[in-house]
């Protein structure tokens, strides 16, 4: 995932199979609030997502990545303005 820290958007690379349902949730480590950044299907033509993080308040977040309902990754993201 890059850039990290970020203020506007991040590019997330992942592994999956065509047709997988992908969800990316951001959890604020300060407030505990949850934000859905992406929900959709994996396409064979790309294994990258461009995520808009501009609505997130400044701080540290955990990005939880799920494929077909199973958690497959956790990444930390710092939002700086």
Protein backbone atom coordinates (compact mmCIF):
# COMPACT_ATOMS: atom_id res chain seq x y z
CA UNK A 1 0.00 0.00 0.00
CA UNK A 2 1.36 3.38 -0.94
CA UNK A 3 1.73 6.23 -0.33
CA UNK A 4 1.77 5.82 3.43
CA UNK A 5 1.32 8.28 5.09
CA UNK A 6 -1.37 9.70 2.81
CA UNK A 7 -4.00 12.44 2.73
CA UNK A 8 -6.10 11.83 -0.40
CA UNK A 9 -5.76 8.30 -1.81
CA UNK A 10 -3.79 5.09 -1.51
CA UNK A 11 -3.13 2.25 -3.90
CA UNK A 12 -3.69 -1.20 -2.41
CA UNK A 13 -2.33 -4.35 -4.08
CA UNK A 14 -3.78 -7.77 -3.23
CA UNK A 15 -4.06 -11.37 -4.44
CA UNK A 16 -7.39 -12.91 -5.30
CA UNK A 17 -9.30 -14.92 -7.85
CA UNK A 18 -11.68 -13.52 -10.42
CA UNK A 19 -15.16 -13.22 -8.94
CA UNK A 20 -14.03 -12.86 -5.31
CA UNK A 21 -16.05 -10.32 -3.33
CA UNK A 22 -13.65 -7.75 -1.87
CA UNK A 23 -14.31 -5.44 1.06
CA UNK A 24 -11.88 -2.91 2.53
CA UNK A 25 -12.78 -1.36 5.90
CA UNK A 26 -10.82 1.35 7.70
CA UNK A 27 -10.90 1.32 11.51
CA UNK A 28 -9.73 4.39 13.39
CA UNK A 29 -7.32 3.35 16.13
CA UNK A 30 -8.22 6.51 18.06
CA UNK A 31 -12.02 6.69 17.88
CA UNK A 32 -12.90 3.11 16.95
CA UNK A 33 -15.07 4.32 14.05
CA UNK A 34 -15.36 2.13 10.97
CA UNK A 35 -15.44 3.34 7.35
CA UNK A 36 -16.14 1.19 4.30
CA UNK A 37 -13.62 2.22 1.64
CA UNK A 38 -14.48 -0.38 -1.00
CA UNK A 39 -16.91 -3.18 -1.72
CA UNK A 40 -16.98 -4.98 -5.06
CA UNK A 41 -15.83 -7.94 -7.14
CA UNK A 42 -12.28 -8.83 -8.05
CA UNK A 43 -11.55 -8.45 -11.76
CA UNK A 44 -8.92 -10.54 -13.52
CA UNK A 45 -7.53 -7.45 -15.26
CA UNK A 46 -6.32 -5.74 -12.07
CA UNK A 47 -5.12 -6.66 -8.60
CA UNK A 48 -4.94 -3.05 -7.42
CA UNK A 49 -7.49 -0.76 -5.83
CA UNK A 50 -7.24 3.02 -5.67
CA UNK A 51 -8.91 4.01 -2.38
CA UNK A 52 -10.13 7.52 -1.60
CA UNK A 53 -9.14 8.28 2.01
CA UNK A 54 -9.78 12.05 1.92
CA UNK A 55 -12.84 11.77 4.19
CA UNK A 56 -10.86 10.11 6.98
CA UNK A 57 -9.74 12.28 9.88
CA UNK A 58 -6.04 12.59 10.56
CA UNK A 59 -4.69 9.65 12.55
CA UNK A 60 -3.77 5.95 12.43
CA UNK A 61 -6.09 3.38 10.82
CA UNK A 62 -6.15 -0.35 10.30
CA UNK A 63 -7.33 -1.42 6.86
CA UNK A 64 -9.05 -4.81 7.02
CA UNK A 65 -9.22 -6.62 3.67
CA UNK A 66 -11.72 -9.45 3.23
CA UNK A 67 -12.27 -11.78 0.28
CA UNK A 68 -15.60 -13.60 0.21
CA UNK A 69 -16.13 -12.82 3.90
CA UNK A 70 -12.75 -14.12 5.10
CA UNK A 71 -10.16 -11.71 6.44
CA UNK A 72 -7.02 -11.95 4.30
CA UNK A 73 -5.03 -8.93 5.37
CA UNK A 74 -4.56 -6.09 7.80
CA UNK A 75 -2.52 -3.02 6.95
CA UNK A 76 -1.82 0.14 8.91
CA UNK A 77 -2.37 3.53 7.32
CA UNK A 78 -1.41 6.95 8.64
CA UNK A 79 -3.52 9.89 7.47
CA UNK A 80 -1.62 13.18 7.64
CA UNK A 81 -2.75 16.60 6.47
